[in-house]
Amino acid sequence: MPDNVGFLFAAFTVIWLLVFGYMAFLGNRISTLRQDLYELDDELDTRLQDGEQPRVALGEEQGDRVGTPRE
């Protein structure tokens, strides 16, 4: 049994490194999405102040934008 302790510790370390790496990845994605949301909110505020009516994409318009890369 004592011969396997090193392998157990190595596996434990690798799993925790993967967990923390995935959490960092998700944190970065959430930060990017939050920034995009703030930009959209600012753009909407600007358009509303200019007197434009907010436009809501319906039907095929929403499908056209799915999967398009960001600028």
C-alpha atoms as a PDB file:
ATOM      1  CA  MET A   1       0.000   0.000   0.000  1.00  0.00           C
ATOM      2  CA  PRO A   2       2.691   2.624   0.784  1.00  0.00           C
ATOM      3  CA  ASP A   3       4.091   2.188  -2.741  1.00  0.00           C
ATOM      4  CA  ASN A   4       0.935   3.714  -4.252  1.00  0.00           C
ATOM      5  CA  VAL A   5       0.858   6.870  -2.104  1.00  0.00           C
ATOM      6  CA  GLY A   6       3.013   8.770  -4.590  1.00  0.00           C
ATOM      7  CA  PHE A   7       0.677   7.929  -7.465  1.00  0.00           C
ATOM      8  CA  LEU A   8      -2.333   8.864  -5.352  1.00  0.00           C
ATOM      9  CA  PHE A   9      -0.798  12.236  -4.481  1.00  0.00           C
ATOM     10  CA  ALA A  10       0.142  12.848  -8.142  1.00  0.00           C
ATOM     11  CA  ALA A  11      -3.397  12.069  -9.312  1.00  0.00           C
ATOM     12  CA  PHE A  12      -4.843  14.278  -6.570  1.00  0.00           C
ATOM     13  CA  THR A  13      -2.564  17.144  -7.647  1.00  0.00           C
ATOM     14  CA  VAL A  14      -3.375  16.750 -11.346  1.00  0.00           C
ATOM     15  CA  ILE A  15      -7.118  16.697 -10.697  1.00  0.00           C
ATOM     16  CA  TRP A  16      -6.971  19.869  -8.586  1.00  0.00           C
ATOM     17  CA  LEU A  17      -4.826  21.610 -11.225  1.00  0.00           C
ATOM     18  CA  LEU A  18      -7.429  20.698 -13.831  1.00  0.00           C
ATOM     19  CA  VAL A  19     -10.257  21.966 -11.616  1.00  0.00           C
ATOM     20  CA  PHE A  20      -8.506  25.292 -10.992  1.00  0.00           C
ATOM     21  CA  GLY A  21      -7.595  25.629 -14.667  1.00  0.00           C
ATOM     22  CA  TYR A  22     -11.205  25.068 -15.681  1.00  0.00           C
ATOM     23  CA  MET A  23     -12.378  27.587 -13.091  1.00  0.00           C
ATOM     24  CA  ALA A  24      -9.918  30.158 -14.476  1.00  0.00           C
ATOM     25  CA  PHE A  25     -11.179  29.444 -18.001  1.00  0.00           C
ATOM     26  CA  LEU A  26     -14.806  29.914 -16.927  1.00  0.00           C
ATOM     27  CA  GLY A  27     -13.916  33.080 -15.029  1.00  0.00           C
ATOM     28  CA  ASN A  28     -12.341  34.510 -18.160  1.00  0.00           C
ATOM     29  CA  ARG A  29     -15.406  33.629 -20.242  1.00  0.00           C
ATOM     30  CA  ILE A  30     -17.735  35.179 -17.670  1.00  0.00           C
ATOM     31  CA  SER A  31     -15.610  38.335 -17.600  1.00  0.00           C
ATOM     32  CA  THR A  32     -15.753  38.594 -21.398  1.00  0.00           C
ATOM     33  CA  LEU A  33     -19.519  38.063 -21.435  1.00  0.00           C
ATOM     34  CA  ARG A  34     -19.971  40.651 -18.686  1.00  0.00           C
ATOM     35  CA  GLN A  35     -17.914  43.168 -20.679  1.00  0.00           C
ATOM     36  CA  ASP A  36     -20.000  42.470 -23.806  1.00  0.00           C
ATOM     37  CA  LEU A  37     -23.166  42.957 -21.781  1.00  0.00           C
ATOM     38  CA  TYR A  38     -21.954  46.332 -20.475  1.00  0.00           C
ATOM     39  CA  GLU A  39     -21.076  47.424 -24.012  1.00  0.00           C
ATOM     40  CA  LEU A  40     -24.530  46.444 -25.260  1.00  0.00           C
ATOM     41  CA  ASP A  41     -26.143  48.260 -22.341  1.00  0.00           C
ATOM     42  CA  ASP A  42     -24.153  51.405 -23.116  1.00  0.00           C
ATOM     43  CA  GLU A  43     -25.083  51.184 -26.800  1.00  0.00           C
ATOM     44  CA  LEU A  44     -28.757  50.780 -25.906  1.00  0.00           C
ATOM     45  CA  ASP A  45     -28.596  53.786 -23.558  1.00  0.00           C
ATOM     46  CA  THR A  46     -26.974  55.856 -26.308  1.00  0.00           C
ATOM     47  CA  ARG A  47     -29.616  54.864 -28.840  1.00  0.00           C
ATOM     48  CA  LEU A  48     -32.440  55.586 -26.404  1.00  0.00           C
ATOM     49  CA  GLN A  49     -30.979  59.011 -25.625  1.00  0.00           C
ATOM     50  CA  ASP A  50     -30.809  59.736 -29.369  1.00  0.00           C
ATOM     51  CA  GLY A  51     -34.527  58.978 -29.620  1.00  0.00           C
ATOM     52  CA  GLU A  52     -34.249  55.662 -31.459  1.00  0.00           C
ATOM     53  CA  GLN A  53     -36.691  52.934 -30.613  1.00  0.00           C
ATOM     54  CA  PRO A  54     -35.115  49.697 -29.375  1.00  0.00           C
ATOM     55  CA  ARG A  55     -35.177  46.991 -32.031  1.00  0.00           C
ATOM     56  CA  VAL A  56     -35.829  43.374 -31.072  1.00  0.00           C
ATOM     57  CA  ALA A  57     -34.691  40.622 -33.432  1.00  0.00           C
ATOM     58  CA  LEU A  58     -37.448  38.131 -34.119  1.00  0.00           C
ATOM     59  CA  GLY A  59     -37.619  34.879 -36.032  1.00  0.00           C
ATOM     60  CA  GLU A  60     -34.972  34.449 -38.711  1.00  0.00           C
ATOM     61  CA  GLU A  61     -33.029  37.515 -37.605  1.00  0.00           C
ATOM     62  CA  GLN A  62     -32.028  35.755 -34.399  1.00  0.00           C
ATOM     63  CA  GLY A  63     -30.990  32.640 -36.301  1.00  0.00           C
ATOM     64  CA  ASP A  64     -28.773  34.679 -38.619  1.00  0.00           C
ATOM     65  CA  ARG A  65     -26.675  35.935 -35.729  1.00  0.00           C
ATOM     66  CA  VAL A  66     -26.130  32.617 -34.010  1.00  0.00           C
ATOM     67  CA  GLY A  67     -22.580  31.404 -34.476  1.00  0.00           C
ATOM     68  CA  THR A  68     -21.227  34.525 -36.143  1.00  0.00           C
ATOM     69  CA  PRO A  69     -17.794  35.563 -34.901  1.00  0.00           C
ATOM     70  CA  ARG A  70     -17.322  38.653 -32.797  1.00  0.00           C
ATOM     71  CA  GLU A  71     -15.583  41.693 -34.180  1.00  0.00           C
END
